[in-house]
């Protein structure tokens, strides 16, 4: 039988393993700097452990993203700068490697989409990231951003509508490479 302390340590390690990369990506989008993002995430986990947020009824995602956001925003305020979209494409965590032309096409398409997302207002960028990159619910996003779930829905709807329009305006110039199959 495991001791209570060992179980808590294992539970904390599982939470760190599950949320470290998404929190790093989120913090990096806000701070615009990899090292600052690491500091933000480290501080987030320290606060998580210190505040005893390891109760079984708690859902750590909302708490972690809220604290991460606040720490990152505070850091940006201190430095008087904030960046939500980095031009670098965040490395994919896929086990399969696509063919080189597929990789190039995917990288270009992702960069193209990130550039379009980068033209959105910061709150719309943040909603897009929390919803699609981190798969959080409207309610969780509302708690993190200190707004209502309805407002999250409006922000998301507006952002997606704008993205569709902007993509349609320039997508005609984007011709994907598709080699012909051998006959």
N, C-alpha and C. Protein backbone atom coordinates (compact mmCIF):
# COMPACT_ATOMS: atom_id res chain seq x y z
N UNK A 1 0.84 -1.19 0.00
CA UNK A 1 0.00 0.00 0.00
C UNK A 1 0.89 1.25 0.00
N UNK A 2 0.52 2.20 -0.85
CA UNK A 2 1.31 3.43 -0.97
C UNK A 2 1.00 4.37 0.18
N UNK A 3 1.99 5.10 0.59
CA UNK A 3 1.74 6.11 1.63
C UNK A 3 1.04 7.30 1.01
N UNK A 4 0.40 8.10 1.85
CA UNK A 4 -0.31 9.29 1.36
C UNK A 4 0.62 10.27 0.68
N UNK A 5 1.85 10.40 1.21
CA UNK A 5 2.83 11.32 0.63
C UNK A 5 3.26 10.82 -0.75
N UNK A 6 3.52 9.55 -0.90
CA UNK A 6 3.94 8.99 -2.17
C UNK A 6 2.84 9.15 -3.21
N UNK A 7 1.60 8.93 -2.82
CA UNK A 7 0.48 9.07 -3.75
C UNK A 7 0.37 10.52 -4.23
N UNK A 8 0.56 11.47 -3.31
CA UNK A 8 0.49 12.89 -3.69
C UNK A 8 1.63 13.26 -4.63
N UNK A 9 2.81 12.74 -4.36
CA UNK A 9 3.96 13.01 -5.22
C UNK A 9 3.70 12.45 -6.62
N UNK A 10 3.19 11.22 -6.68
CA UNK A 10 2.89 10.60 -7.98
C UNK A 10 1.80 11.38 -8.72
N UNK A 11 0.79 11.82 -7.98
CA UNK A 11 -0.29 12.60 -8.59
C UNK A 11 0.24 13.93 -9.14
N UNK A 12 1.11 14.57 -8.36
CA UNK A 12 1.71 15.83 -8.81
C UNK A 12 2.56 15.59 -10.07
N UNK A 13 3.34 14.53 -10.08
CA UNK A 13 4.18 14.21 -11.25
C UNK A 13 3.32 13.95 -12.48
N UNK A 14 2.19 13.29 -12.30
CA UNK A 14 1.27 13.04 -13.43
C UNK A 14 0.73 14.36 -13.98
N UNK A 15 0.38 15.27 -13.08
CA UNK A 15 -0.16 16.58 -13.50
C UNK A 15 0.93 17.37 -14.24
N UNK A 16 2.14 17.34 -13.72
CA UNK A 16 3.24 18.04 -14.40
C UNK A 16 3.44 17.43 -15.78
N UNK A 17 3.48 16.12 -15.87
CA UNK A 17 3.67 15.44 -17.16
C UNK A 17 2.56 15.81 -18.15
N UNK A 18 1.33 15.88 -17.67
CA UNK A 18 0.18 16.17 -18.54
C UNK A 18 0.13 17.62 -19.01
N UNK A 19 0.48 18.55 -18.13
CA UNK A 19 0.25 19.96 -18.42
C UNK A 19 1.50 20.78 -18.75
N UNK A 20 2.69 20.23 -18.57
CA UNK A 20 3.89 21.03 -18.75
C UNK A 20 4.01 21.59 -20.17
N UNK A 21 3.87 20.77 -21.18
CA UNK A 21 4.03 21.25 -22.56
C UNK A 21 2.92 22.22 -22.94
N UNK A 22 1.63 21.90 -22.69
CA UNK A 22 0.59 22.89 -23.02
C UNK A 22 0.79 24.23 -22.30
N UNK A 23 1.22 24.19 -21.05
CA UNK A 23 1.45 25.44 -20.32
C UNK A 23 2.65 26.19 -20.88
N UNK A 24 3.70 25.47 -21.27
CA UNK A 24 4.86 26.12 -21.90
C UNK A 24 4.46 26.81 -23.19
N UNK A 25 3.66 26.14 -24.00
CA UNK A 25 3.20 26.73 -25.26
C UNK A 25 2.35 27.97 -25.00
N UNK A 26 1.46 27.86 -24.04
CA UNK A 26 0.58 28.98 -23.70
C UNK A 26 1.39 30.17 -23.19
N UNK A 27 2.31 29.90 -22.26
CA UNK A 27 3.12 30.97 -21.69
C UNK A 27 4.03 31.59 -22.75
N UNK A 28 4.53 30.77 -23.65
CA UNK A 28 5.41 31.30 -24.70
C UNK A 28 4.64 32.22 -25.65
N UNK A 29 3.40 31.89 -25.93
CA UNK A 29 2.59 32.75 -26.79
C UNK A 29 2.37 34.11 -26.14
N UNK A 30 2.24 34.11 -24.83
CA UNK A 30 2.00 35.38 -24.14
C UNK A 30 3.30 36.18 -23.99
N UNK A 31 4.37 35.50 -23.54
CA UNK A 31 5.62 36.22 -23.26
C UNK A 31 6.47 36.43 -24.50
N UNK A 32 6.35 35.54 -25.47
CA UNK A 32 7.17 35.63 -26.68
C UNK A 32 8.59 35.15 -26.47
N UNK A 33 8.87 34.51 -25.34
CA UNK A 33 10.23 34.09 -25.04
C UNK A 33 10.21 32.72 -24.37
N UNK A 34 11.02 31.80 -24.89
CA UNK A 34 11.05 30.43 -24.38
C UNK A 34 11.51 30.37 -22.93
N UNK A 35 12.56 31.09 -22.59
CA UNK A 35 13.09 31.06 -21.23
C UNK A 35 12.11 31.67 -20.22
N UNK A 36 11.49 32.76 -20.61
CA UNK A 36 10.49 33.36 -19.72
C UNK A 36 9.31 32.42 -19.54
N UNK A 37 8.93 31.73 -20.60
CA UNK A 37 7.83 30.77 -20.51
C UNK A 37 8.17 29.66 -19.53
N UNK A 38 9.41 29.20 -19.56
CA UNK A 38 9.84 28.16 -18.60
C UNK A 38 9.74 28.68 -17.17
N UNK A 39 10.17 29.92 -16.96
CA UNK A 39 10.07 30.51 -15.63
C UNK A 39 8.61 30.62 -15.18
N UNK A 40 7.76 31.02 -16.10
CA UNK A 40 6.32 31.16 -15.79
C UNK A 40 5.74 29.80 -15.39
N UNK A 41 6.04 28.78 -16.16
CA UNK A 41 5.48 27.45 -15.87
C UNK A 41 6.04 26.90 -14.57
N UNK A 42 7.32 27.12 -14.33
CA UNK A 42 7.91 26.67 -13.07
C UNK A 42 7.21 27.35 -11.89
N UNK A 43 7.02 28.65 -11.99
CA UNK A 43 6.33 29.38 -10.92
C UNK A 43 4.89 28.88 -10.76
N UNK A 44 4.24 28.55 -11.88
CA UNK A 44 2.87 28.03 -11.84
C UNK A 44 2.81 26.73 -11.06
N UNK A 45 3.73 25.80 -11.34
CA UNK A 45 3.73 24.52 -10.64
C UNK A 45 4.12 24.67 -9.18
N UNK A 46 5.01 25.61 -8.88
CA UNK A 46 5.38 25.87 -7.48
C UNK A 46 4.15 26.35 -6.72
N UNK A 47 3.40 27.28 -7.31
CA UNK A 47 2.18 27.78 -6.67
C UNK A 47 1.15 26.67 -6.53
N UNK A 48 1.05 25.84 -7.54
CA UNK A 48 0.11 24.72 -7.51
C UNK A 48 0.42 23.79 -6.34
N UNK A 49 1.69 23.46 -6.19
CA UNK A 49 2.09 22.56 -5.12
C UNK A 49 1.94 23.22 -3.75
N UNK A 50 2.31 24.50 -3.67
CA UNK A 50 2.25 25.24 -2.42
C UNK A 50 0.83 25.45 -1.92
N UNK A 51 -0.09 25.69 -2.84
CA UNK A 51 -1.47 26.00 -2.46
C UNK A 51 -2.33 24.76 -2.25
N UNK A 52 -1.74 23.59 -2.29
CA UNK A 52 -2.48 22.37 -2.00
C UNK A 52 -3.61 22.13 -2.97
N UNK A 53 -3.40 22.40 -4.23
CA UNK A 53 -4.46 22.25 -5.22
C UNK A 53 -4.61 20.80 -5.67
N UNK A 54 -4.11 19.87 -4.88
CA UNK A 54 -4.17 18.46 -5.26
C UNK A 54 -5.32 17.70 -4.59
N UNK A 55 -6.45 18.33 -4.48
CA UNK A 55 -7.61 17.62 -3.94
C UNK A 55 -8.29 16.90 -5.09
N UNK A 56 -8.85 15.76 -4.84
CA UNK A 56 -9.39 14.92 -5.90
C UNK A 56 -10.55 15.58 -6.65
N UNK A 57 -11.31 16.45 -5.98
CA UNK A 57 -12.45 17.07 -6.65
C UNK A 57 -12.05 18.25 -7.53
N UNK A 58 -10.83 18.71 -7.40
CA UNK A 58 -10.37 19.84 -8.21
C UNK A 58 -10.06 19.40 -9.63
N UNK A 59 -10.31 20.30 -10.56
CA UNK A 59 -9.91 20.09 -11.95
C UNK A 59 -8.71 21.01 -12.18
N UNK A 60 -7.53 20.44 -12.29
CA UNK A 60 -6.32 21.27 -12.30
C UNK A 60 -6.16 22.13 -13.55
N UNK A 61 -6.77 21.78 -14.69
CA UNK A 61 -6.54 22.53 -15.93
C UNK A 61 -6.90 24.00 -15.76
N UNK A 62 -8.08 24.28 -15.26
CA UNK A 62 -8.52 25.67 -15.12
C UNK A 62 -7.60 26.42 -14.18
N UNK A 63 -7.28 25.82 -13.05
CA UNK A 63 -6.42 26.47 -12.06
C UNK A 63 -5.05 26.75 -12.66
N UNK A 64 -4.44 25.75 -13.30
CA UNK A 64 -3.10 25.90 -13.86
C UNK A 64 -3.04 26.96 -14.95
N UNK A 65 -4.00 26.93 -15.89
CA UNK A 65 -3.98 27.91 -16.97
C UNK A 65 -4.26 29.32 -16.46
N UNK A 66 -5.11 29.44 -15.45
CA UNK A 66 -5.39 30.76 -14.87
C UNK A 66 -4.14 31.34 -14.23
N UNK A 67 -3.48 30.53 -13.41
CA UNK A 67 -2.27 31.00 -12.73
C UNK A 67 -1.17 31.28 -13.76
N UNK A 68 -1.02 30.39 -14.73
CA UNK A 68 -0.01 30.57 -15.78
C UNK A 68 -0.24 31.89 -16.52
N UNK A 69 -1.48 32.14 -16.87
CA UNK A 69 -1.83 33.38 -17.58
C UNK A 69 -1.48 34.60 -16.74
N UNK A 70 -1.87 34.57 -15.46
CA UNK A 70 -1.62 35.71 -14.58
C UNK A 70 -0.13 35.97 -14.38
N UNK A 71 0.63 34.89 -14.18
CA UNK A 71 2.08 35.04 -14.00
C UNK A 71 2.71 35.59 -15.27
N UNK A 72 2.31 35.07 -16.43
CA UNK A 72 2.87 35.54 -17.70
C UNK A 72 2.50 37.00 -17.96
N UNK A 73 1.24 37.35 -17.72
CA UNK A 73 0.83 38.74 -17.93
C UNK A 73 1.56 39.69 -16.99
N UNK A 74 1.75 39.26 -15.74
CA UNK A 74 2.51 40.09 -14.80
C UNK A 74 3.94 40.28 -15.27
N UNK A 75 4.55 39.23 -15.80
CA UNK A 75 5.91 39.32 -16.31
C UNK A 75 5.96 40.29 -17.50
N UNK A 76 4.97 40.19 -18.36
CA UNK A 76 4.92 41.09 -19.53
C UNK A 76 4.71 42.54 -19.11
N UNK A 77 3.86 42.74 -18.12
CA UNK A 77 3.63 44.10 -17.64
C UNK A 77 4.92 44.71 -17.11
N UNK A 78 5.70 43.88 -16.43
CA UNK A 78 6.98 44.36 -15.90
C UNK A 78 7.90 44.78 -17.03
N UNK A 79 7.82 44.07 -18.14
CA UNK A 79 8.71 44.37 -19.26
C UNK A 79 8.04 45.23 -20.32
N UNK A 80 6.77 45.54 -20.14
CA UNK A 80 6.03 46.39 -21.06
C UNK A 80 5.96 45.85 -22.49
N UNK A 81 5.82 44.53 -22.58
CA UNK A 81 5.62 43.96 -23.90
C UNK A 81 4.78 42.70 -23.78
N UNK A 82 4.04 42.41 -24.83
CA UNK A 82 3.21 41.22 -24.85
C UNK A 82 3.10 40.73 -26.28
N UNK A 83 3.28 39.43 -26.47
CA UNK A 83 3.17 38.85 -27.79
C UNK A 83 2.35 37.57 -27.67
N UNK A 84 1.35 37.42 -28.55
CA UNK A 84 0.51 36.23 -28.50
C UNK A 84 0.86 35.21 -29.57
N UNK A 85 1.35 35.66 -30.71
CA UNK A 85 1.65 34.72 -31.77
C UNK A 85 3.11 34.86 -32.16
N UNK A 86 3.83 33.76 -32.11
CA UNK A 86 5.22 33.71 -32.52
C UNK A 86 5.25 33.20 -33.95
N UNK A 87 6.17 33.66 -34.75
CA UNK A 87 6.22 33.23 -36.14
C UNK A 87 6.74 31.80 -36.27
N UNK A 88 7.45 31.31 -35.25
CA UNK A 88 7.92 29.93 -35.30
C UNK A 88 6.75 28.99 -35.12
N UNK A 89 6.79 27.89 -35.82
CA UNK A 89 5.78 26.87 -35.67
C UNK A 89 6.22 25.97 -34.52
N UNK A 90 5.33 25.76 -33.57
CA UNK A 90 5.67 24.92 -32.43
C UNK A 90 5.77 23.48 -32.89
N UNK A 91 6.84 22.80 -32.44
CA UNK A 91 7.12 21.46 -32.92
C UNK A 91 5.96 20.52 -32.63
N UNK A 92 5.61 19.75 -33.63
CA UNK A 92 4.52 18.79 -33.51
C UNK A 92 5.00 17.60 -32.68
N UNK A 93 4.10 17.03 -31.91
CA UNK A 93 4.43 15.88 -31.09
C UNK A 93 3.81 14.62 -31.71
N UNK A 94 4.08 14.41 -32.98
CA UNK A 94 3.53 13.26 -33.66
C UNK A 94 4.58 12.18 -33.77
N UNK A 95 4.15 10.94 -33.67
CA UNK A 95 5.09 9.83 -33.76
C UNK A 95 5.44 9.52 -35.21
N UNK A 96 4.54 9.73 -36.14
CA UNK A 96 4.79 9.45 -37.55
C UNK A 96 5.38 10.67 -38.23
N UNK A 97 6.34 10.43 -39.08
CA UNK A 97 6.94 11.52 -39.85
C UNK A 97 6.35 11.50 -41.25
N UNK A 98 5.69 12.57 -41.68
CA UNK A 98 5.16 12.61 -43.03
C UNK A 98 6.29 12.75 -44.05
N UNK A 99 5.96 12.56 -45.28
CA UNK A 99 6.92 12.72 -46.37
C UNK A 99 7.42 14.17 -46.38
N UNK A 100 8.64 14.41 -46.91
CA UNK A 100 9.20 15.77 -46.89
C UNK A 100 8.30 16.83 -47.51
N UNK A 101 7.68 16.53 -48.65
CA UNK A 101 6.82 17.55 -49.26
C UNK A 101 5.58 17.79 -48.42
N UNK A 102 5.10 16.75 -47.73
CA UNK A 102 3.96 16.93 -46.82
C UNK A 102 4.37 17.78 -45.62
N UNK A 103 5.59 17.55 -45.13
CA UNK A 103 6.09 18.35 -44.00
C UNK A 103 6.20 19.82 -44.40
N UNK A 104 6.76 20.07 -45.57
CA UNK A 104 6.92 21.44 -46.03
C UNK A 104 5.55 22.11 -46.21
N UNK A 105 4.64 21.39 -46.83
CA UNK A 105 3.29 21.93 -47.05
C UNK A 105 2.60 22.21 -45.72
N UNK A 106 2.73 21.27 -44.80
CA UNK A 106 2.09 21.44 -43.49
C UNK A 106 2.72 22.62 -42.74
N UNK A 107 4.04 22.75 -42.81
CA UNK A 107 4.71 23.84 -42.13
C UNK A 107 4.30 25.19 -42.72
N UNK A 108 4.22 25.26 -44.05
CA UNK A 108 3.80 26.49 -44.70
C UNK A 108 2.36 26.84 -44.36
N UNK A 109 1.49 25.83 -44.38
CA UNK A 109 0.08 26.06 -44.07
C UNK A 109 -0.08 26.50 -42.62
N UNK A 110 0.67 25.87 -41.72
CA UNK A 110 0.58 26.23 -40.31
C UNK A 110 1.09 27.66 -40.10
N UNK A 111 2.23 27.97 -40.72
CA UNK A 111 2.76 29.33 -40.61
C UNK A 111 1.80 30.35 -41.18
N UNK A 112 1.19 30.00 -42.30
CA UNK A 112 0.20 30.87 -42.94
C UNK A 112 -0.98 31.11 -42.01
N UNK A 113 -1.48 30.04 -41.41
CA UNK A 113 -2.61 30.16 -40.49
C UNK A 113 -2.22 30.96 -39.25
N UNK A 114 -1.02 30.73 -38.73
CA UNK A 114 -0.57 31.49 -37.55
C UNK A 114 -0.45 32.98 -37.86
N UNK A 115 -0.04 33.30 -39.09
CA UNK A 115 0.03 34.71 -39.48
C UNK A 115 -1.36 35.33 -39.49
N UNK A 116 -2.34 34.57 -39.99
CA UNK A 116 -3.71 35.08 -40.00
C UNK A 116 -4.23 35.22 -38.57
N UNK A 117 -3.97 34.22 -37.73
CA UNK A 117 -4.40 34.29 -36.33
C UNK A 117 -3.73 35.49 -35.65
N UNK A 118 -2.49 35.78 -36.03
CA UNK A 118 -1.76 36.91 -35.45
C UNK A 118 -2.37 38.26 -35.76
N UNK A 119 -3.28 38.32 -36.75
CA UNK A 119 -3.94 39.59 -37.06
C UNK A 119 -5.18 39.82 -36.21
N UNK A 120 -5.59 38.80 -35.47
CA UNK A 120 -6.77 38.94 -34.60
C UNK A 120 -6.42 39.74 -33.35
N UNK A 121 -7.43 40.33 -32.72
CA UNK A 121 -7.18 40.99 -31.42
C UNK A 121 -6.67 39.96 -30.40
N UNK A 122 -5.87 40.39 -29.43
CA UNK A 122 -5.26 39.47 -28.46
C UNK A 122 -6.25 38.54 -27.74
N UNK A 123 -7.41 39.04 -27.35
CA UNK A 123 -8.37 38.18 -26.63
C UNK A 123 -8.90 37.08 -27.54
N UNK A 124 -9.10 37.37 -28.82
CA UNK A 124 -9.55 36.35 -29.75
C UNK A 124 -8.44 35.32 -29.98
N UNK A 125 -7.20 35.77 -30.06
CA UNK A 125 -6.08 34.85 -30.20
C UNK A 125 -6.02 33.90 -28.99
N UNK A 126 -6.21 34.47 -27.82
CA UNK A 126 -6.14 33.68 -26.60
C UNK A 126 -7.25 32.64 -26.55
N UNK A 127 -8.46 33.02 -26.94
CA UNK A 127 -9.58 32.07 -26.95
C UNK A 127 -9.31 30.94 -27.93
N UNK A 128 -8.80 31.28 -29.12
CA UNK A 128 -8.47 30.26 -30.12
C UNK A 128 -7.46 29.27 -29.54
N UNK A 129 -6.42 29.78 -28.91
CA UNK A 129 -5.38 28.91 -28.36
C UNK A 129 -5.93 28.02 -27.25
N UNK A 130 -6.66 28.59 -26.32
CA UNK A 130 -7.17 27.79 -25.20
C UNK A 130 -8.16 26.73 -25.67
N UNK A 131 -8.96 27.06 -26.66
CA UNK A 131 -9.97 26.12 -27.15
C UNK A 131 -9.36 25.02 -28.00
N UNK A 132 -8.58 25.39 -29.00
CA UNK A 132 -8.13 24.41 -29.98
C UNK A 132 -6.79 23.77 -29.65
N UNK A 133 -5.91 24.49 -29.02
CA UNK A 133 -4.62 23.89 -28.68
C UNK A 133 -4.71 23.13 -27.37
N UNK A 134 -5.50 23.64 -26.44
CA UNK A 134 -5.55 23.03 -25.11
C UNK A 134 -6.87 22.33 -24.82
N UNK A 135 -7.82 22.41 -25.74
CA UNK A 135 -9.08 21.68 -25.65
C UNK A 135 -9.83 21.94 -24.35
N UNK A 136 -9.88 23.21 -23.95
CA UNK A 136 -10.60 23.58 -22.74
C UNK A 136 -12.05 23.93 -23.08
N UNK A 137 -12.92 23.76 -22.12
CA UNK A 137 -14.34 24.09 -22.32
C UNK A 137 -14.54 25.60 -22.25
N UNK A 138 -15.70 26.06 -22.72
CA UNK A 138 -16.02 27.48 -22.67
C UNK A 138 -15.96 27.97 -21.22
N UNK A 139 -16.49 27.17 -20.30
CA UNK A 139 -16.51 27.57 -18.89
C UNK A 139 -15.10 27.69 -18.33
N UNK A 140 -14.23 26.74 -18.67
CA UNK A 140 -12.85 26.81 -18.20
C UNK A 140 -12.15 28.05 -18.77
N UNK A 141 -12.35 28.30 -20.05
CA UNK A 141 -11.75 29.47 -20.68
C UNK A 141 -12.28 30.75 -20.03
N UNK A 142 -13.57 30.78 -19.74
CA UNK A 142 -14.18 31.95 -19.09
C UNK A 142 -13.53 32.21 -17.74
N UNK A 143 -13.30 31.16 -16.97
CA UNK A 143 -12.67 31.32 -15.66
C UNK A 143 -11.24 31.83 -15.81
N UNK A 144 -10.51 31.27 -16.78
CA UNK A 144 -9.12 31.68 -16.99
C UNK A 144 -9.05 33.14 -17.42
N UNK A 145 -9.92 33.54 -18.33
CA UNK A 145 -9.89 34.90 -18.89
C UNK A 145 -10.72 35.90 -18.09
N UNK A 146 -11.34 35.43 -17.02
CA UNK A 146 -12.17 36.26 -16.15
C UNK A 146 -13.28 36.95 -16.93
N UNK A 147 -14.07 36.13 -17.62
CA UNK A 147 -15.21 36.61 -18.38
C UNK A 147 -16.31 35.57 -18.28
N UNK A 148 -17.33 35.68 -19.11
CA UNK A 148 -18.43 34.71 -19.09
C UNK A 148 -18.26 33.70 -20.21
N UNK A 149 -18.90 32.55 -20.06
CA UNK A 149 -18.87 31.52 -21.10
C UNK A 149 -19.52 32.05 -22.38
N UNK A 150 -20.57 32.86 -22.24
CA UNK A 150 -21.21 33.46 -23.41
C UNK A 150 -20.24 34.37 -24.17
N UNK A 151 -19.47 35.16 -23.43
CA UNK A 151 -18.49 36.03 -24.07
C UNK A 151 -17.42 35.21 -24.78
N UNK A 152 -17.01 34.09 -24.19
CA UNK A 152 -16.05 33.19 -24.84
C UNK A 152 -16.62 32.71 -26.16
N UNK A 153 -17.90 32.32 -26.16
CA UNK A 153 -18.56 31.87 -27.39
C UNK A 153 -18.57 32.96 -28.45
N UNK A 154 -18.86 34.17 -28.04
CA UNK A 154 -18.89 35.29 -28.99
C UNK A 154 -17.49 35.56 -29.53
N UNK A 155 -16.49 35.58 -28.65
CA UNK A 155 -15.11 35.80 -29.09
C UNK A 155 -14.66 34.72 -30.07
N UNK A 156 -14.99 33.47 -29.75
CA UNK A 156 -14.61 32.35 -30.61
C UNK A 156 -15.32 32.42 -31.95
N UNK A 157 -16.61 32.69 -31.93
CA UNK A 157 -17.38 32.80 -33.17
C UNK A 157 -16.84 33.92 -34.06
N UNK A 158 -16.59 35.06 -33.47
CA UNK A 158 -16.07 36.21 -34.21
C UNK A 158 -14.69 35.90 -34.79
N UNK A 159 -13.84 35.27 -33.98
CA UNK A 159 -12.49 34.94 -34.43
C UNK A 159 -12.53 33.95 -35.60
N UNK A 160 -13.35 32.92 -35.49
CA UNK A 160 -13.43 31.92 -36.56
C UNK A 160 -14.01 32.51 -37.84
N UNK A 161 -14.99 33.37 -37.69
CA UNK A 161 -15.59 34.02 -38.86
C UNK A 161 -14.54 34.89 -39.57
N UNK A 162 -13.79 35.65 -38.78
CA UNK A 162 -12.75 36.50 -39.34
C UNK A 162 -11.66 35.66 -40.00
N UNK A 163 -11.27 34.55 -39.35
CA UNK A 163 -10.24 33.67 -39.93
C UNK A 163 -10.71 33.10 -41.27
N UNK A 164 -11.95 32.65 -41.33
CA UNK A 164 -12.50 32.11 -42.59
C UNK A 164 -12.45 33.16 -43.70
N UNK A 165 -12.86 34.36 -43.38
CA UNK A 165 -12.88 35.44 -44.37
C UNK A 165 -11.47 35.77 -44.85
N UNK A 166 -10.55 35.91 -43.93
CA UNK A 166 -9.18 36.28 -44.30
C UNK A 166 -8.49 35.16 -45.05
N UNK A 167 -8.76 33.93 -44.67
CA UNK A 167 -8.17 32.79 -45.37
C UNK A 167 -8.72 32.71 -46.79
N UNK A 168 -10.00 32.91 -46.95
CA UNK A 168 -10.63 32.85 -48.27
C UNK A 168 -10.06 33.93 -49.19
N UNK A 169 -9.73 35.09 -48.64
CA UNK A 169 -9.19 36.19 -49.44
C UNK A 169 -7.83 35.85 -50.05
N UNK A 170 -7.02 35.09 -49.33
CA UNK A 170 -5.67 34.82 -49.80
C UNK A 170 -5.41 33.36 -50.16
N UNK A 171 -6.36 32.49 -49.91
CA UNK A 171 -6.16 31.06 -50.13
C UNK A 171 -6.01 30.71 -51.61
N UNK A 172 -6.49 31.53 -52.50
CA UNK A 172 -6.36 31.25 -53.92
C UNK A 172 -4.92 31.20 -54.36
N UNK A 173 -4.04 31.91 -53.68
CA UNK A 173 -2.62 31.92 -54.01
C UNK A 173 -1.87 30.74 -53.43
N UNK A 174 -2.53 29.98 -52.58
CA UNK A 174 -1.89 28.89 -51.87
C UNK A 174 -2.24 27.57 -52.55
N UNK A 175 -1.35 27.07 -53.38
CA UNK A 175 -1.61 25.85 -54.14
C UNK A 175 -0.81 24.71 -53.52
N UNK A 176 -1.48 23.71 -52.96
CA UNK A 176 -0.75 22.60 -52.33
C UNK A 176 -0.11 21.69 -53.38
N UNK A 177 1.02 21.11 -53.02
CA UNK A 177 1.72 20.18 -53.90
C UNK A 177 1.15 18.78 -53.69
N UNK A 178 0.64 18.18 -54.75
CA UNK A 178 0.11 16.82 -54.70
C UNK A 178 0.72 16.04 -55.86
N UNK A 179 1.70 15.18 -55.57
CA UNK A 179 2.28 14.41 -56.67
C UNK A 179 1.27 13.42 -57.24
N UNK A 180 1.41 13.14 -58.52
CA UNK A 180 0.50 12.20 -59.17
C UNK A 180 0.94 10.79 -58.82
N UNK A 181 -0.04 9.91 -58.53
CA UNK A 181 0.33 8.52 -58.23
C UNK A 181 0.89 7.83 -59.48
N UNK A 182 1.78 6.90 -59.25
CA UNK A 182 2.35 6.13 -60.37
C UNK A 182 1.27 5.26 -60.99
N UNK A 183 1.17 5.33 -62.29
CA UNK A 183 0.15 4.54 -62.96
C UNK A 183 0.74 3.34 -63.63
